[in-house]
C-alpha atoms as a PDB file:
ATOM      1  CA  MET A   1     136.897 112.887 142.751  1.00  0.00           C
ATOM      2  CA  ARG A   2     140.160 113.968 140.618  1.00  0.00           C
ATOM      3  CA  HIS A   3     140.336 117.565 139.672  1.00  0.00           C
ATOM      4  CA  PRO A   4     140.665 118.653 136.188  1.00  0.00           C
ATOM      5  CA  LEU A   5     144.632 119.317 135.302  1.00  0.00           C
ATOM      6  CA  VAL A   6     144.831 121.220 131.898  1.00  0.00           C
ATOM      7  CA  LEU A   7     148.562 121.249 130.930  1.00  0.00           C
ATOM      8  CA  LEU A   8     149.799 123.642 128.882  1.00  0.00           C
ATOM      9  CA  PRO A   9     153.323 122.851 126.968  1.00  0.00           C
ATOM     10  CA  GLY A  10     156.211 124.851 125.853  1.00  0.00           C
ATOM     11  CA  THR A  11     157.859 126.347 122.380  1.00  0.00           C
ATOM     12  CA  LEU A  12     158.410 123.498 120.449  1.00  0.00           C
ATOM     13  CA  CYS A  13     157.024 120.825 123.000  1.00  0.00           C
ATOM     14  CA  ASP A  14     154.294 118.469 122.919  1.00  0.00           C
ATOM     15  CA  ASP A  15     152.511 115.887 125.237  1.00  0.00           C
ATOM     16  CA  ARG A  16     156.112 114.280 126.183  1.00  0.00           C
ATOM     17  CA  LEU A  17     157.255 117.387 128.465  1.00  0.00           C
ATOM     18  CA  TRP A  18     154.418 116.208 130.461  1.00  0.00           C
ATOM     19  CA  SER A  19     155.240 112.292 130.532  1.00  0.00           C
ATOM     20  CA  ALA A  20     155.863 112.394 134.254  1.00  0.00           C
ATOM     21  CA  GLN A  21     153.118 114.417 135.200  1.00  0.00           C
ATOM     22  CA  LEU A  22     150.285 112.406 132.806  1.00  0.00           C
ATOM     23  CA  HIS A  23     151.111 109.168 134.875  1.00  0.00           C
ATOM     24  CA  GLY A  24     152.747 110.614 138.306  1.00  0.00           C
ATOM     25  CA  LEU A  25     149.379 112.712 138.815  1.00  0.00           C
ATOM     26  CA  SER A  26     146.789 110.392 137.321  1.00  0.00           C
ATOM     27  CA  GLU A  27     145.323 109.384 140.959  1.00  0.00           C
ATOM     28  CA  VAL A  28     144.725 112.989 142.170  1.00  0.00           C
ATOM     29  CA  ALA A  29     143.971 114.703 139.098  1.00  0.00           C
ATOM     30  CA  GLN A  30     142.557 114.244 135.060  1.00  0.00           C
ATOM     31  CA  PRO A  31     145.808 115.551 133.244  1.00  0.00           C
ATOM     32  CA  ARG A  32     145.124 116.223 129.578  1.00  0.00           C
ATOM     33  CA  VAL A  33     147.985 118.430 127.593  1.00  0.00           C
ATOM     34  CA  ILE A  34     146.516 120.710 124.894  1.00  0.00           C
ATOM     35  CA  ASP A  35     147.548 121.324 121.534  1.00  0.00           C
ATOM     36  CA  ILE A  36     148.922 125.103 121.451  1.00  0.00           C
ATOM     37  CA  SER A  37     150.867 125.362 118.331  1.00  0.00           C
ATOM     38  CA  PHE A  38     147.454 126.122 115.672  1.00  0.00           C
ATOM     39  CA  ALA A  39     147.925 129.926 116.158  1.00  0.00           C
ATOM     40  CA  ASP A  40     150.200 132.876 116.168  1.00  0.00           C
ATOM     41  CA  ARG A  41     148.307 135.042 118.730  1.00  0.00           C
ATOM     42  CA  MET A  42     147.865 134.264 122.349  1.00  0.00           C
ATOM     43  CA  THR A  43     144.174 135.928 121.900  1.00  0.00           C
ATOM     44  CA  THR A  44     143.535 133.509 119.033  1.00  0.00           C
ATOM     45  CA  LEU A  45     145.001 130.278 120.729  1.00  0.00           C
ATOM     46  CA  ALA A  46     142.974 131.114 124.031  1.00  0.00           C
ATOM     47  CA  PRO A  47     139.114 131.290 123.178  1.00  0.00           C
ATOM     48  CA  ARG A  48     139.791 127.943 120.958  1.00  0.00           C
ATOM     49  CA  ILE A  49     141.199 126.289 123.523  1.00  0.00           C
ATOM     50  CA  LEU A  50     138.390 127.439 126.243  1.00  0.00           C
ATOM     51  CA  GLU A  51     135.701 125.424 123.601  1.00  0.00           C
ATOM     52  CA  HIS A  52     137.011 122.150 124.235  1.00  0.00           C
ATOM     53  CA  LEU A  53     137.733 122.552 128.071  1.00  0.00           C
ATOM     54  CA  PRO A  54     135.708 121.633 131.043  1.00  0.00           C
ATOM     55  CA  PRO A  55     133.516 124.580 132.901  1.00  0.00           C
ATOM     56  CA  ARG A  56     136.011 124.163 135.993  1.00  0.00           C
ATOM     57  CA  PHE A  57     139.472 123.113 135.656  1.00  0.00           C
ATOM     58  CA  ALA A  58     142.941 123.803 136.976  1.00  0.00           C
ATOM     59  CA  LEU A  59     145.515 124.955 134.636  1.00  0.00           C
ATOM     60  CA  ALA A  60     149.174 124.717 134.467  1.00  0.00           C
ATOM     61  CA  GLY A  61     151.487 126.525 132.107  1.00  0.00           C
ATOM     62  CA  PHE A  62     155.029 125.704 131.286  1.00  0.00           C
ATOM     63  CA  SER A  63     157.370 128.537 129.767  1.00  0.00           C
ATOM     64  CA  PHE A  64     155.386 129.536 126.684  1.00  0.00           C
ATOM     65  CA  GLY A  65     152.453 127.463 128.213  1.00  0.00           C
ATOM     66  CA  GLY A  66     152.567 130.057 130.873  1.00  0.00           C
ATOM     67  CA  ILE A  67     152.347 133.036 128.908  1.00  0.00           C
ATOM     68  CA  LEU A  68     149.030 131.258 127.140  1.00  0.00           C
ATOM     69  CA  ALA A  69     147.916 130.807 130.551  1.00  0.00           C
ATOM     70  CA  PHE A  70     147.582 134.649 131.467  1.00  0.00           C
ATOM     71  CA  GLU A  71     145.637 135.199 128.226  1.00  0.00           C
ATOM     72  CA  LEU A  72     143.299 132.090 129.709  1.00  0.00           C
ATOM     73  CA  TRP A  73     142.776 133.861 132.950  1.00  0.00           C
ATOM     74  CA  ARG A  74     142.064 137.437 131.444  1.00  0.00           C
ATOM     75  CA  GLN A  75     139.218 135.537 129.522  1.00  0.00           C
ATOM     76  CA  ALA A  76     137.635 133.357 131.760  1.00  0.00           C
ATOM     77  CA  PRO A  77     139.079 133.938 135.191  1.00  0.00           C
ATOM     78  CA  GLN A  78     135.983 131.696 136.595  1.00  0.00           C
ATOM     79  CA  ARG A  79     136.605 128.676 134.938  1.00  0.00           C
ATOM     80  CA  ILE A  80     139.746 128.641 136.461  1.00  0.00           C
ATOM     81  CA  THR A  81     140.345 126.828 140.058  1.00  0.00           C
ATOM     82  CA  HIS A  82     144.034 126.673 140.378  1.00  0.00           C
ATOM     83  CA  LEU A  83     147.114 128.141 138.525  1.00  0.00           C
ATOM     84  CA  ALA A  84     150.500 126.711 138.353  1.00  0.00           C
ATOM     85  CA  LEU A  85     153.426 128.977 136.464  1.00  0.00           C
ATOM     86  CA  ILE A  86     156.322 127.251 135.455  1.00  0.00           C
ATOM     87  CA  ASP A  87     159.259 128.404 134.213  1.00  0.00           C
ATOM     88  CA  THR A  88     157.495 131.487 132.754  1.00  0.00           C
ATOM     89  CA  ASN A  89     157.202 135.281 133.161  1.00  0.00           C
ATOM     90  CA  ALA A  90     154.785 138.124 133.056  1.00  0.00           C
ATOM     91  CA  ARG A  91     156.691 140.756 131.287  1.00  0.00           C
ATOM     92  CA  PRO A  92     156.350 141.731 127.461  1.00  0.00           C
ATOM     93  CA  ASP A  93     158.594 140.873 124.908  1.00  0.00           C
ATOM     94  CA  LEU A  94     160.618 143.380 123.764  1.00  0.00           C
ATOM     95  CA  GLN A  95     163.064 141.574 121.264  1.00  0.00           C
ATOM     96  CA  ALA A  96     161.085 141.640 117.998  1.00  0.00           C
ATOM     97  CA  ASP A  97     164.370 142.290 115.944  1.00  0.00           C
ATOM     98  CA  MET A  98     165.850 138.704 118.122  1.00  0.00           C
ATOM     99  CA  ARG A  99     162.396 136.823 117.334  1.00  0.00           C
ATOM    100  CA  ALA A 100     163.087 137.558 113.081  1.00  0.00           C
ATOM    101  CA  GLU A 101     166.866 136.549 113.629  1.00  0.00           C
ATOM    102  CA  GLN A 102     165.681 133.210 115.282  1.00  0.00           C
ATOM    103  CA  ARG A 103     162.824 132.402 113.186  1.00  0.00           C
ATOM    104  CA  GLN A 104     165.490 133.041 110.184  1.00  0.00           C
ATOM    105  CA  ALA A 105     168.349 130.931 111.814  1.00  0.00           C
ATOM    106  CA  ALA A 106     165.682 127.949 112.434  1.00  0.00           C
ATOM    107  CA  ARG A 107     164.619 128.133 108.635  1.00  0.00           C
ATOM    108  CA  ARG A 108     168.508 128.280 107.383  1.00  0.00           C
ATOM    109  CA  MET A 109     169.650 125.296 109.758  1.00  0.00           C
ATOM    110  CA  GLY A 110     166.634 123.244 110.338  1.00  0.00           C
ATOM    111  CA  ILE A 111     164.960 122.932 113.443  1.00  0.00           C
ATOM    112  CA  GLY A 112     166.229 119.883 115.142  1.00  0.00           C
ATOM    113  CA  PRO A 113     169.666 121.315 114.538  1.00  0.00           C
ATOM    114  CA  TYR A 114     168.970 124.827 115.306  1.00  0.00           C
ATOM    115  CA  VAL A 115     167.153 123.773 118.565  1.00  0.00           C
ATOM    116  CA  ARG A 116     170.264 121.613 119.361  1.00  0.00           C
ATOM    117  CA  GLN A 117     172.987 124.223 118.751  1.00  0.00           C
ATOM    118  CA  GLN A 118     171.584 127.115 119.737  1.00  0.00           C
ATOM    119  CA  LEU A 119     168.736 127.205 122.445  1.00  0.00           C
ATOM    120  CA  LEU A 120     169.987 123.569 124.072  1.00  0.00           C
ATOM    121  CA  PRO A 121     172.986 125.423 126.015  1.00  0.00           C
ATOM    122  CA  GLY A 122     170.757 127.854 127.469  1.00  0.00           C
ATOM    123  CA  TYR A 123     167.869 125.186 127.925  1.00  0.00           C
ATOM    124  CA  LEU A 124     169.691 123.099 130.817  1.00  0.00           C
ATOM    125  CA  CYS A 125     171.340 123.148 134.228  1.00  0.00           C
ATOM    126  CA  HIS A 126     174.797 121.957 132.968  1.00  0.00           C
ATOM    127  CA  GLU A 127     175.741 120.498 136.206  1.00  0.00           C
ATOM    128  CA  MET A 128     172.876 117.969 135.803  1.00  0.00           C
ATOM    129  CA  LYS A 129     173.719 116.906 132.138  1.00  0.00           C
ATOM    130  CA  ASN A 130     171.254 114.540 131.044  1.00  0.00           C
ATOM    131  CA  PRO A 131     171.707 113.410 127.261  1.00  0.00           C
ATOM    132  CA  ASP A 132     168.056 111.494 127.333  1.00  0.00           C
ATOM    133  CA  ILE A 133     166.291 115.133 128.180  1.00  0.00           C
ATOM    134  CA  GLU A 134     168.395 116.752 125.656  1.00  0.00           C
ATOM    135  CA  GLU A 135     167.088 114.023 123.113  1.00  0.00           C
ATOM    136  CA  THR A 136     163.450 114.589 124.269  1.00  0.00           C
ATOM    137  CA  ILE A 137     163.582 118.178 124.059  1.00  0.00           C
ATOM    138  CA  VAL A 138     164.824 118.224 119.936  1.00  0.00           C
ATOM    139  CA  ALA A 139     162.571 115.251 119.075  1.00  0.00           C
ATOM    140  CA  MET A 140     159.914 117.353 119.928  1.00  0.00           C
ATOM    141  CA  ALA A 141     161.084 120.051 118.242  1.00  0.00           C
ATOM    142  CA  GLN A 142     161.489 118.212 115.363  1.00  0.00           C
ATOM    143  CA  ARG A 143     157.977 116.771 115.645  1.00  0.00           C
ATOM    144  CA  SER A 144     156.658 120.231 115.898  1.00  0.00           C
ATOM    145  CA  GLY A 145     158.332 121.242 112.670  1.00  0.00           C
ATOM    146  CA  ILE A 146     159.681 125.482 111.738  1.00  0.00           C
ATOM    147  CA  ASN A 147     155.948 126.345 110.889  1.00  0.00           C
ATOM    148  CA  VAL A 148     154.898 125.623 114.526  1.00  0.00           C
ATOM    149  CA  PHE A 149     158.085 127.877 115.389  1.00  0.00           C
ATOM    150  CA  ASP A 150     157.274 130.643 113.098  1.00  0.00           C
ATOM    151  CA  ARG A 151     153.784 130.675 114.716  1.00  0.00           C
ATOM    152  CA  GLN A 152     154.734 130.363 118.508  1.00  0.00           C
ATOM    153  CA  MET A 153     157.621 133.165 118.187  1.00  0.00           C
ATOM    154  CA  LEU A 154     155.103 135.655 116.759  1.00  0.00           C
ATOM    155  CA  ALA A 155     152.965 135.092 119.724  1.00  0.00           C
ATOM    156  CA  VAL A 156     155.592 135.567 122.076  1.00  0.00           C
ATOM    157  CA  GLN A 157     156.704 138.451 120.367  1.00  0.00           C
ATOM    158  CA  HIS A 158     153.291 139.990 120.488  1.00  0.00           C
ATOM    159  CA  ARG A 159     152.047 139.069 124.161  1.00  0.00           C
ATOM    160  CA  GLN A 160     150.626 141.380 126.489  1.00  0.00           C
ATOM    161  CA  ASP A 161     152.032 142.939 129.598  1.00  0.00           C
ATOM    162  CA  SER A 162     150.616 140.492 132.208  1.00  0.00           C
ATOM    163  CA  ARG A 163     152.149 142.340 135.036  1.00  0.00           C
ATOM    164  CA  ASP A 164     148.914 144.190 135.791  1.00  0.00           C
ATOM    165  CA  ASP A 165     146.637 141.405 135.833  1.00  0.00           C
ATOM    166  CA  LEU A 166     148.514 138.956 138.735  1.00  0.00           C
ATOM    167  CA  HIS A 167     146.799 141.376 141.633  1.00  0.00           C
ATOM    168  CA  ALA A 168     143.631 139.596 140.388  1.00  0.00           C
ATOM    169  CA  ILE A 169     144.069 136.375 140.551  1.00  0.00           C
ATOM    170  CA  THR A 170     142.688 135.175 143.991  1.00  0.00           C
ATOM    171  CA  VAL A 171     143.015 131.259 143.240  1.00  0.00           C
ATOM    172  CA  PRO A 172     145.339 129.360 144.909  1.00  0.00           C
ATOM    173  CA  THR A 173     148.692 129.433 142.696  1.00  0.00           C
ATOM    174  CA  LEU A 174     151.841 128.255 142.296  1.00  0.00           C
ATOM    175  CA  VAL A 175     154.925 129.773 140.748  1.00  0.00           C
ATOM    176  CA  THR A 176     157.819 127.451 139.841  1.00  0.00           C
ATOM    177  CA  ALA A 177     160.922 127.540 138.332  1.00  0.00           C
ATOM    178  CA  GLY A 178     164.718 126.106 138.207  1.00  0.00           C
ATOM    179  CA  LEU A 179     166.944 127.995 140.056  1.00  0.00           C
ATOM    180  CA  GLU A 180     169.715 127.628 137.245  1.00  0.00           C
ATOM    181  CA  ASP A 181     166.808 128.790 134.520  1.00  0.00           C
ATOM    182  CA  GLN A 182     168.156 131.312 132.478  1.00  0.00           C
ATOM    183  CA  LEU A 183     165.395 131.986 130.489  1.00  0.00           C
ATOM    184  CA  CYS A 184     163.031 133.097 133.112  1.00  0.00           C
ATOM    185  CA  PRO A 185     165.343 133.736 136.158  1.00  0.00           C
ATOM    186  CA  PRO A 186     164.237 133.828 140.034  1.00  0.00           C
ATOM    187  CA  ALA A 187     163.843 137.411 139.920  1.00  0.00           C
ATOM    188  CA  LEU A 188     161.033 137.110 137.464  1.00  0.00           C
ATOM    189  CA  GLN A 189     159.572 134.406 139.454  1.00  0.00           C
ATOM    190  CA  TRP A 190     159.662 136.705 142.456  1.00  0.00           C
ATOM    191  CA  GLU A 191     157.989 139.515 140.651  1.00  0.00           C
ATOM    192  CA  MET A 192     154.717 137.333 140.127  1.00  0.00           C
ATOM    193  CA  ALA A 193     154.804 135.578 143.130  1.00  0.00           C
ATOM    194  CA  ASP A 194     154.859 139.365 144.946  1.00  0.00           C
ATOM    195  CA  ARG A 195     152.166 140.610 143.156  1.00  0.00           C
ATOM    196  CA  ILE A 196     149.524 137.528 143.193  1.00  0.00           C
ATOM    197  CA  PRO A 197     147.595 137.249 146.318  1.00  0.00           C
ATOM    198  CA  ASP A 198     148.649 134.015 148.816  1.00  0.00           C
ATOM    199  CA  ALA A 199     151.148 132.407 145.735  1.00  0.00           C
ATOM    200  CA  ARG A 200     153.315 129.977 146.538  1.00  0.00           C
ATOM    201  CA  CYS A 201     156.852 130.325 145.208  1.00  0.00           C
ATOM    202  CA  GLU A 202     159.354 127.668 145.006  1.00  0.00           C
ATOM    203  CA  LEU A 203     162.831 127.565 142.777  1.00  0.00           C
ATOM    204  CA  LEU A 204     164.223 124.106 142.462  1.00  0.00           C
ATOM    205  CA  PRO A 205     168.313 123.902 143.111  1.00  0.00           C
ATOM    206  CA  GLN A 206     170.443 122.039 140.305  1.00  0.00           C
ATOM    207  CA  CYS A 207     167.519 122.788 137.779  1.00  0.00           C
ATOM    208  CA  GLY A 208     167.362 125.061 134.476  1.00  0.00           C
ATOM    209  CA  HIS A 209     164.329 126.222 132.025  1.00  0.00           C
ATOM    210  CA  PHE A 210     162.855 123.020 132.005  1.00  0.00           C
ATOM    211  CA  SER A 211     161.602 121.324 135.609  1.00  0.00           C
ATOM    212  CA  PRO A 212     159.179 118.905 134.022  1.00  0.00           C
ATOM    213  CA  LEU A 213     161.581 116.928 132.650  1.00  0.00           C
ATOM    214  CA  GLU A 214     164.706 117.909 135.003  1.00  0.00           C
ATOM    215  CA  LYS A 215     162.800 117.954 138.514  1.00  0.00           C
ATOM    216  CA  PRO A 216     159.848 115.868 137.181  1.00  0.00           C
ATOM    217  CA  GLU A 217     158.887 114.247 141.043  1.00  0.00           C
ATOM    218  CA  ARG A 218     159.354 117.417 142.208  1.00  0.00           C
ATOM    219  CA  ILE A 219     156.955 119.291 139.831  1.00  0.00           C
ATOM    220  CA  ASN A 220     154.836 116.284 140.798  1.00  0.00           C
ATOM    221  CA  LYS A 221     154.929 117.146 144.247  1.00  0.00           C
ATOM    222  CA  LEU A 222     154.089 120.982 144.083  1.00  0.00           C
ATOM    223  CA  LEU A 223     151.257 120.318 141.794  1.00  0.00           C
ATOM    224  CA  ALA A 224     149.576 117.514 143.865  1.00  0.00           C
ATOM    225  CA  GLU A 225     149.932 119.852 147.024  1.00  0.00           C
ATOM    226  CA  LEU A 226     148.460 122.984 144.966  1.00  0.00           C
ATOM    227  CA  LEU A 227     145.776 120.835 143.726  1.00  0.00           C
ATOM    228  CA  THR A 228     144.701 120.137 147.361  1.00  0.00           C
ATOM    229  CA  HIS A 229     144.548 124.264 148.659  1.00  0.00           C
END
């Protein structure tokens, strides 16, 4: 029996982020990408998402989606069977001024140019430059649009500190990220893994923040192994 697998994308991302997982895991799971763009608070997103999910499911969250995964856990821990935290972190956001500046700059420049010029340089492993991945990230942002960016920046800004909740996560858990991830560096991954009982932590070499796109085969293998645990 294939396990329901809920995939939560990151900021300005859509189902293209998880394309390799949708295809590569279809024999061992029922992967499904969830829209997370419709509200500006994690506490609003979580219950509305839960309304449309099966009674029990595995959950994988990337970046923003990982932060949202913590809120789903707080609201419905009994429904989550496995948890994958990918290129994310459990800390609160302490950069309200920077978030406001980001939103203003994105509106001034346009979301596509803003992502290309301001965000891409910190997203990917420079040693493994891949124009196709860069274009996918920009295309997802353009499809999402500036209003989604506004909502997601507000949700990130007002997120809860999840570190005190980590000890209560008792389902099989994977913590993984690129070794070269500048947004969610290795120290933040070990911080989460050390607080989650029996969590597996794996850092991916020659990989930046977008590991589902940069290292799709490895992410698929890790998720398949998680689901059989």
